[in-house]
Amino acid sequence: FGGTVGFAASAAVLGVEGTAVAVGLARTGGTGAQTVTVAVTGGTATPGVDFTFAPTAVTFAPGEVVQTLLVPIVADGGYEPDETVVLRAGDPTNATNAASPTVTGTILNDDAFVP
């Protein structure tokens, strides 16, 4: 089996409130099915308030090299600074983690500041 699994980029703009943004997970090498679990491990955004994402098992079928995850951004309607979400790919089965198994996404504020 072999191969490594990690994010296609180390940083991503997750977008603005009320959208769902795609984050790419890539596999390099390997011939059989491989699974990795993706979970939120940090950032300044609050799960359930600023975004929704539950730990997710991602399986690559034999020959499959890219998987796409959706991170829904919650529309809260209030001004706040841009916030970050850190996702980590871990617990690989039949694979190893890429050298940098995390991606930091930025949620852009799209609400006007009201003094």
Protein backbone atom coordinates (compact mmCIF):
# COMPACT_ATOMS: atom_id res chain seq x y z
CA PHE A 1 0.00 0.00 0.00
CA GLY A 2 2.26 2.83 1.20
CA GLY A 3 1.96 6.43 0.11
CA THR A 4 1.40 9.65 2.00
CA VAL A 5 -1.76 11.64 2.62
CA GLY A 6 -1.93 15.37 3.38
CA PHE A 7 -3.51 18.64 2.36
CA ALA A 8 -2.98 19.94 -1.15
CA ALA A 9 -1.93 23.34 0.31
CA SER A 10 -0.72 24.52 3.72
CA ALA A 11 -3.04 27.54 3.78
CA ALA A 12 -6.48 28.26 2.37
CA VAL A 13 -8.99 31.07 2.38
CA LEU A 14 -12.14 29.41 3.63
CA GLY A 15 -14.26 32.26 2.37
CA VAL A 16 -17.01 34.38 3.79
CA GLU A 17 -19.92 33.64 6.06
CA GLY A 18 -22.78 31.60 4.67
CA THR A 19 -20.66 29.61 2.21
CA ALA A 20 -19.18 26.13 2.19
CA VAL A 21 -15.58 26.04 1.09
CA ALA A 22 -13.70 23.12 -0.47
CA VAL A 23 -10.37 22.01 1.01
CA GLY A 24 -8.27 19.53 -0.98
CA LEU A 25 -6.68 16.42 0.51
CA ALA A 26 -4.09 14.68 -1.67
CA ARG A 27 -2.47 11.26 -1.75
CA THR A 28 0.99 10.66 -3.17
CA GLY A 29 1.99 7.10 -3.99
CA GLY A 30 0.32 3.98 -2.73
CA THR A 31 -1.75 1.47 -4.62
CA GLY A 32 -4.56 0.31 -2.33
CA ALA A 33 -7.31 1.94 -0.34
CA GLN A 34 -6.09 4.43 2.27
CA THR A 35 -7.99 6.23 5.00
CA VAL A 36 -7.16 9.30 7.08
CA THR A 37 -9.20 11.16 9.70
CA VAL A 38 -9.50 14.94 9.38
CA ALA A 39 -10.34 16.99 12.48
CA VAL A 40 -10.21 20.58 13.72
CA THR A 41 -7.17 21.07 15.97
CA GLY A 42 -7.07 24.81 16.56
CA GLY A 43 -7.51 28.31 15.24
CA THR A 44 -9.29 31.43 16.44
CA ALA A 45 -12.74 30.57 15.03
CA THR A 46 -15.29 28.87 17.28
CA PRO A 47 -16.68 25.50 16.15
CA GLY A 48 -20.47 25.57 15.85
CA VAL A 49 -20.50 29.38 15.93
CA ASP A 50 -18.20 30.37 13.06
CA PHE A 51 -18.10 27.06 11.14
CA THR A 52 -19.37 23.49 11.32
CA PHE A 53 -17.08 20.55 10.77
CA ALA A 54 -17.03 17.20 12.55
CA PRO A 55 -14.10 14.78 12.49
CA THR A 56 -14.34 12.98 9.16
CA ALA A 57 -12.82 9.73 7.90
CA VAL A 58 -11.69 10.18 4.29
CA THR A 59 -11.03 7.08 2.20
CA PHE A 60 -9.02 7.07 -1.00
CA ALA A 61 -9.98 4.23 -3.33
CA PRO A 62 -7.18 2.48 -5.24
CA GLY A 63 -5.86 4.94 -7.84
CA GLU A 64 -7.69 7.94 -6.35
CA VAL A 65 -5.34 10.86 -5.60
CA VAL A 66 -7.56 13.78 -4.49
CA GLN A 67 -10.47 14.11 -2.08
CA THR A 68 -12.38 17.31 -1.37
CA LEU A 69 -13.79 18.26 2.03
CA LEU A 70 -16.40 20.96 2.57
CA VAL A 71 -16.15 23.32 5.53
CA PRO A 72 -19.47 25.19 6.01
CA ILE A 73 -19.01 28.77 7.26
CA VAL A 74 -21.80 30.05 9.52
CA ALA A 75 -23.35 33.45 8.73
CA ASP A 76 -23.47 35.20 12.09
CA GLY A 77 -24.29 38.70 10.83
CA GLY A 78 -21.93 40.53 13.18
CA TYR A 79 -18.61 42.23 12.58
CA GLU A 80 -15.56 40.36 13.82
CA PRO A 81 -11.97 40.12 12.63
CA ASP A 82 -10.89 37.44 10.19
CA GLU A 83 -10.57 34.11 12.01
CA THR A 84 -8.68 30.89 11.40
CA VAL A 85 -9.46 27.17 11.46
CA VAL A 86 -6.69 24.56 11.64
CA LEU A 87 -7.51 21.14 10.15
CA ARG A 88 -5.27 18.13 10.71
CA ALA A 89 -5.12 14.87 8.79
CA GLY A 90 -4.17 12.04 11.15
CA ASP A 91 -4.54 8.38 12.05
CA PRO A 92 -3.74 7.11 8.55
CA THR A 93 -4.54 3.52 7.57
CA ASN A 94 -2.28 1.93 4.92
CA ALA A 95 -0.51 5.29 4.50
CA THR A 96 1.62 7.81 6.38
CA ASN A 97 0.94 11.47 7.05
CA ALA A 98 2.51 14.00 4.73
CA ALA A 99 5.41 16.01 6.18
CA SER A 100 2.99 18.82 7.04
CA PRO A 101 -0.41 17.24 7.78
CA THR A 102 -2.22 20.48 8.65
CA VAL A 103 -3.90 23.29 6.76
CA THR A 104 -4.82 26.69 8.21
CA GLY A 105 -7.90 28.25 6.69
CA THR A 106 -8.99 31.86 7.08
CA ILE A 107 -12.64 32.87 7.43
CA LEU A 108 -12.95 36.39 6.02
CA ASN A 109 -15.21 38.87 7.75
CA ASP A 110 -17.86 40.23 5.38
CA ASP A 111 -19.88 42.32 7.84
CA ALA A 112 -19.59 46.08 8.16
CA PHE A 113 -18.17 47.55 11.36
CA VAL A 114 -20.83 49.50 13.24
CA PRO A 115 -19.30 51.81 15.88
